[in-house]
Amino acid sequence: MAVRDDIMKKMLNKIVKTAISKDPAFKDVYKADVFYLFQSPIKTAMCDYVYGLRIFTESEFIDKPTISSKLQKKITNVTSQVSNKTFCCTEVSFE
């Protein structure tokens, strides 16, 4: 199961990297990554996978809630097109 989680984590990191490089909304973000991803241990949970997102920026005057929600929405949109699994972000940190 851990190998599958690693594959999914790589997929999410690729989605994040593409979003950061192509979307002008993320112009103040120079890097972002998924620092953990694992399958929910409870089968009746709201999400199949949970992940943590780390966003790196040099500007302290960015709108953190907007940036994080746009990035999460981008991840959700892309993953829903390629997988029938649900992904939920449980932690966002800015550095």
Protein backbone atom coordinates (compact mmCIF):
# COMPACT_ATOMS: atom_id res chain seq x y z
CA MET A 1 0.00 0.00 0.00
CA ALA A 2 2.90 2.40 0.69
CA VAL A 3 4.12 2.11 -2.91
CA ARG A 4 0.71 3.20 -4.19
CA ASP A 5 0.77 6.15 -1.79
CA ASP A 6 4.18 7.19 -3.16
CA ILE A 7 2.88 7.04 -6.72
CA MET A 8 -0.14 9.15 -5.80
CA LYS A 9 2.08 11.63 -3.96
CA LYS A 10 4.27 12.02 -7.06
CA MET A 11 1.14 12.62 -9.13
CA LEU A 12 -0.08 15.32 -6.74
CA ASN A 13 3.33 16.98 -6.68
CA LYS A 14 3.33 17.10 -10.48
CA ILE A 15 -0.13 18.72 -10.44
CA VAL A 16 1.08 21.29 -7.90
CA LYS A 17 4.25 22.06 -9.85
CA THR A 18 2.29 22.55 -13.07
CA ALA A 19 -0.27 24.80 -11.37
CA ILE A 20 2.44 26.97 -9.80
CA SER A 21 4.29 27.40 -13.09
CA LYS A 22 1.28 28.10 -15.34
CA ASP A 23 -1.29 29.99 -13.27
CA PRO A 24 -0.66 33.73 -12.75
CA ALA A 25 -2.58 33.58 -9.45
CA PHE A 26 0.48 31.88 -7.97
CA LYS A 27 3.04 34.47 -9.11
CA ASP A 28 4.24 35.06 -5.53
CA VAL A 29 4.67 31.34 -4.85
CA TYR A 30 8.03 29.97 -5.94
CA LYS A 31 7.51 26.39 -4.76
CA ALA A 32 4.85 24.14 -3.31
CA ASP A 33 4.79 20.46 -2.51
CA VAL A 34 2.75 17.69 -0.99
CA PHE A 35 4.73 16.63 2.05
CA TYR A 36 2.57 13.69 3.06
CA LEU A 37 -0.15 11.60 1.51
CA PHE A 38 -1.74 8.47 2.80
CA GLN A 39 -4.88 6.48 2.30
CA SER A 40 -7.50 7.04 4.93
CA PRO A 41 -7.48 4.14 7.39
CA ILE A 42 -11.26 4.31 7.83
CA LYS A 43 -13.26 2.99 4.88
CA THR A 44 -16.26 5.21 5.68
CA ALA A 45 -14.21 8.41 5.79
CA MET A 46 -15.19 11.40 3.70
CA CYS A 47 -11.97 11.15 1.64
CA ASP A 48 -10.03 8.24 0.23
CA TYR A 49 -6.68 10.04 0.61
CA VAL A 50 -5.52 12.86 2.86
CA TYR A 51 -2.53 15.08 2.17
CA GLY A 52 -0.55 18.00 3.54
CA LEU A 53 0.48 20.96 1.42
CA ARG A 54 3.55 23.13 1.99
CA ILE A 55 3.72 26.45 0.12
CA PHE A 56 6.93 28.47 -0.17
CA THR A 57 6.81 32.22 -0.81
CA GLU A 58 9.13 35.14 -0.30
CA SER A 59 6.33 37.68 0.04
CA GLU A 60 4.68 38.06 3.42
CA PHE A 61 1.81 40.10 2.00
CA ILE A 62 0.08 37.41 -0.04
CA ASP A 63 -3.48 36.30 0.61
CA LYS A 64 -2.72 32.92 2.17
CA PRO A 65 -6.30 31.61 2.40
CA THR A 66 -6.97 32.41 -1.26
CA ILE A 67 -3.70 30.89 -2.48
CA SER A 68 -4.20 27.69 -0.49
CA SER A 69 -7.84 27.26 -1.52
CA LYS A 70 -7.06 27.85 -5.21
CA LEU A 71 -4.27 25.30 -5.10
CA GLN A 72 -6.46 22.76 -3.31
CA LYS A 73 -9.24 23.36 -5.84
CA LYS A 74 -6.80 22.82 -8.71
CA ILE A 75 -5.66 19.53 -7.16
CA THR A 76 -9.27 18.42 -6.66
CA ASN A 77 -10.25 19.29 -10.23
CA VAL A 78 -7.37 17.41 -11.83
CA THR A 79 -7.54 14.36 -9.57
CA SER A 80 -11.29 14.01 -10.13
CA GLN A 81 -10.62 13.81 -13.88
CA VAL A 82 -7.95 11.11 -13.63
CA SER A 83 -9.11 9.10 -10.61
CA ASN A 84 -12.32 8.07 -8.95
CA LYS A 85 -10.69 8.60 -5.53
CA THR A 86 -11.30 11.66 -3.35
CA PHE A 87 -8.43 13.73 -1.93
CA CYS A 88 -8.67 16.07 1.05
CA CYS A 89 -6.08 18.50 2.30
CA THR A 90 -5.75 18.28 6.08
CA GLU A 91 -2.82 20.64 6.59
CA VAL A 92 -1.43 23.72 4.81
CA SER A 93 1.75 25.44 5.89
CA PHE A 94 3.43 28.54 4.49
CA GLU A 95 7.18 28.92 4.66
